[in-house]
């Protein structure tokens, strides 16, 4: 296979670019991170120790982190001329699925006044019955109140709404 090899012999860092089996590959082939720069600034960082991909800042504890100083971080656009819209899927692929497995979580986080990353709310889904042909799933809404995050609303698989609030007098408020 045709190969381009760049090596920093001082630090034993090896970069290879090659074509093999109808695939083009570029990467580090040593125990070093892989970084892509744009405009002399690091744009993408792939860590060698855990394959984390970081776009923007390197301060992320997630497997895939995107950091930017403006509000629009990602866009998913379906350009088909049909009625289908863009779709984002959160999938749990388990070799042993079980009732009440958490399937996905969508978290809303920000800093508190001490500069600590805090989850203020999240939406969670559970597979309440994984039996083939009779599968059920619940959707839960969790919010933070007075420093504690807890489930406040659940939509059961059969459509029942369940409110869970600290004070029964605050269970439902309808305003014009």
Protein backbone atom coordinates (compact mmCIF):
# COMPACT_ATOMS: atom_id res chain seq x y z
CA UNK A 1 0.00 0.00 0.00
CA UNK A 2 1.29 3.49 -0.77
CA UNK A 3 2.21 5.16 2.53
CA UNK A 4 3.39 8.57 3.70
CA UNK A 5 5.22 8.34 7.03
CA UNK A 6 6.24 11.34 9.14
CA UNK A 7 8.18 10.60 12.30
CA UNK A 8 9.48 12.78 15.12
CA UNK A 9 12.30 10.54 16.28
CA UNK A 10 12.91 12.66 19.38
CA UNK A 11 9.47 11.81 20.82
CA UNK A 12 8.78 8.67 18.77
CA UNK A 13 5.64 10.21 17.30
CA UNK A 14 4.56 8.61 14.01
CA UNK A 15 1.95 9.94 11.57
CA UNK A 16 0.89 7.69 8.70
CA UNK A 17 -1.26 8.41 5.68
CA UNK A 18 -2.04 5.46 3.44
CA UNK A 19 -4.58 3.80 1.15
CA UNK A 20 -5.59 0.18 1.67
CA UNK A 21 -8.57 -1.95 0.62
CA UNK A 22 -10.37 1.03 -0.99
CA UNK A 23 -9.99 3.08 2.23
CA UNK A 24 -7.87 6.14 2.91
CA UNK A 25 -6.48 6.41 6.44
CA UNK A 26 -4.59 9.10 8.37
CA UNK A 27 -3.58 8.86 11.99
CA UNK A 28 -0.95 8.51 14.66
CA UNK A 29 0.59 5.09 15.01
CA UNK A 30 2.29 5.69 18.31
CA UNK A 31 1.01 6.56 21.78
CA UNK A 32 0.38 10.20 20.88
CA UNK A 33 -2.77 12.29 20.42
CA UNK A 34 -3.96 13.26 16.93
CA UNK A 35 -4.71 16.94 16.40
CA UNK A 36 -6.06 18.91 13.45
CA UNK A 37 -5.29 22.62 13.26
CA UNK A 38 -7.12 25.37 11.37
CA UNK A 39 -5.64 28.84 11.10
CA UNK A 40 -2.75 27.84 13.40
CA UNK A 41 -5.26 26.92 16.13
CA UNK A 42 -6.16 23.46 17.36
CA UNK A 43 -9.61 22.63 15.94
CA UNK A 44 -10.00 18.89 16.63
CA UNK A 45 -8.21 16.76 19.22
CA UNK A 46 -8.43 12.95 19.37
CA UNK A 47 -6.86 11.53 22.51
CA UNK A 48 -4.71 8.42 22.15
CA UNK A 49 -5.50 6.98 25.60
CA UNK A 50 -9.32 6.84 25.27
CA UNK A 51 -10.15 8.01 21.71
CA UNK A 52 -12.12 11.02 23.02
CA UNK A 53 -12.90 13.53 20.27
CA UNK A 54 -12.85 17.17 21.31
CA UNK A 55 -13.79 20.02 18.97
CA UNK A 56 -12.71 23.46 20.17
CA UNK A 57 -11.59 23.36 23.80
CA UNK A 58 -9.83 20.35 25.36
CA UNK A 59 -11.71 20.63 28.67
CA UNK A 60 -14.34 17.89 28.34
CA UNK A 61 -15.14 14.77 30.31
CA UNK A 62 -17.42 13.46 27.52
CA UNK A 63 -16.43 10.98 24.82
CA UNK A 64 -17.35 13.65 22.24
CA UNK A 65 -17.15 17.29 23.31
CA UNK A 66 -17.88 20.42 21.27
CA UNK A 67 -16.98 23.85 22.62
CA UNK A 68 -17.74 27.20 21.03
CA UNK A 69 -18.34 30.70 22.39
CA UNK A 70 -21.57 31.22 20.43
CA UNK A 71 -24.96 29.56 20.85
CA UNK A 72 -25.25 27.42 17.71
CA UNK A 73 -23.17 24.28 18.36
CA UNK A 74 -24.75 21.77 16.02
CA UNK A 75 -27.28 21.62 13.22
CA UNK A 76 -28.88 18.59 11.64
CA UNK A 77 -30.57 19.29 8.32
CA UNK A 78 -32.70 16.98 6.19
CA UNK A 79 -32.79 18.27 2.61
CA UNK A 80 -35.10 15.60 1.16
CA UNK A 81 -38.17 16.87 -0.70
CA UNK A 82 -40.50 14.67 1.34
CA UNK A 83 -42.49 15.03 4.56
CA UNK A 84 -39.76 13.49 6.77
CA UNK A 85 -37.77 15.77 9.04
CA UNK A 86 -34.31 15.53 10.56
CA UNK A 87 -33.94 12.74 13.10
CA UNK A 88 -31.56 12.30 16.02
CA UNK A 89 -31.55 8.91 17.74
CA UNK A 90 -30.27 8.01 21.19
CA UNK A 91 -29.92 4.23 21.18
CA UNK A 92 -28.95 1.79 23.90
CA UNK A 93 -27.65 -1.39 22.27
CA UNK A 94 -27.42 -3.97 25.05
CA UNK A 95 -26.54 -7.64 24.83
CA UNK A 96 -28.88 -8.20 27.79
CA UNK A 97 -31.75 -5.68 27.67
CA UNK A 98 -33.84 -5.56 30.84
CA UNK A 99 -36.99 -3.89 32.07
CA UNK A 100 -36.34 -0.37 33.40
CA UNK A 101 -33.08 0.11 31.50
CA UNK A 102 -32.33 3.80 30.92
CA UNK A 103 -32.25 4.28 27.14
CA UNK A 104 -31.20 7.90 26.83
CA UNK A 105 -30.83 11.15 28.72
CA UNK A 106 -30.96 14.71 27.42
CA UNK A 107 -29.36 16.99 30.06
CA UNK A 108 -29.52 20.76 30.44
CA UNK A 109 -26.47 21.97 32.35
CA UNK A 110 -24.93 25.27 33.35
CA UNK A 111 -22.69 26.71 36.04
CA UNK A 112 -23.93 27.69 39.47
CA UNK A 113 -22.62 30.84 41.17
CA UNK A 114 -19.64 28.85 42.53
CA UNK A 115 -18.59 28.00 38.97
CA UNK A 116 -19.58 24.32 39.30
CA UNK A 117 -21.12 22.45 36.37
CA UNK A 118 -24.71 21.73 37.44
CA UNK A 119 -27.53 19.74 35.83
CA UNK A 120 -30.67 21.91 36.10
CA UNK A 121 -33.03 19.57 34.26
CA UNK A 122 -33.02 16.45 32.12
CA UNK A 123 -35.36 14.24 30.12
CA UNK A 124 -34.89 10.48 30.50
CA UNK A 125 -36.44 7.45 28.80
CA UNK A 126 -36.76 3.94 30.20
CA UNK A 127 -37.76 0.64 28.63
CA UNK A 128 -40.29 -0.53 31.21
CA UNK A 129 -41.00 -3.81 29.37
CA UNK A 130 -38.55 -5.31 26.86
CA UNK A 131 -40.66 -8.38 26.04
CA UNK A 132 -40.76 -8.85 22.24
CA UNK A 133 -44.12 -7.76 20.88
CA UNK A 134 -45.29 -6.02 24.08
CA UNK A 135 -42.49 -3.45 24.57
CA UNK A 136 -43.29 -0.42 26.76
CA UNK A 137 -41.40 2.77 27.51
CA UNK A 138 -41.79 5.74 29.86
CA UNK A 139 -40.63 9.34 29.43
CA UNK A 140 -39.48 11.16 32.60
CA UNK A 141 -38.86 14.86 33.22
CA UNK A 142 -36.49 15.81 36.04
CA UNK A 143 -35.91 19.36 37.34
CA UNK A 144 -33.83 20.93 40.08
CA UNK A 145 -35.71 22.59 42.94
CA UNK A 146 -34.02 24.09 45.99
CA UNK A 147 -30.75 22.34 45.15
CA UNK A 148 -32.18 18.85 44.56
CA UNK A 149 -32.86 17.27 41.19
CA UNK A 150 -35.76 14.83 41.05
CA UNK A 151 -38.37 13.40 38.74
CA UNK A 152 -41.35 15.80 38.46
CA UNK A 153 -43.38 14.36 35.57
CA UNK A 154 -43.65 10.93 33.99
CA UNK A 155 -45.55 9.97 30.87
CA UNK A 156 -46.26 6.26 31.21
CA UNK A 157 -46.32 4.01 28.17
CA UNK A 158 -50.14 3.85 28.22
CA UNK A 159 -50.39 7.68 28.23
CA UNK A 160 -51.04 8.34 31.92
CA UNK A 161 -49.41 11.52 33.27
CA UNK A 162 -47.91 11.25 36.74
CA UNK A 163 -46.94 14.46 38.57
CA UNK A 164 -44.38 14.20 41.37
CA UNK A 165 -44.02 17.44 43.32
CA UNK A 166 -42.74 18.24 46.83
CA UNK A 167 -45.96 20.07 47.73
CA UNK A 168 -49.36 18.71 46.59
CA UNK A 169 -50.71 22.28 46.53
CA UNK A 170 -48.25 23.03 43.68
CA UNK A 171 -49.16 19.93 41.65
CA UNK A 172 -50.91 21.74 38.80
CA UNK A 173 -51.22 25.40 37.96
CA UNK A 174 -53.14 26.61 34.95
CA UNK A 175 -52.81 30.27 34.02
CA UNK A 176 -54.66 32.18 31.31
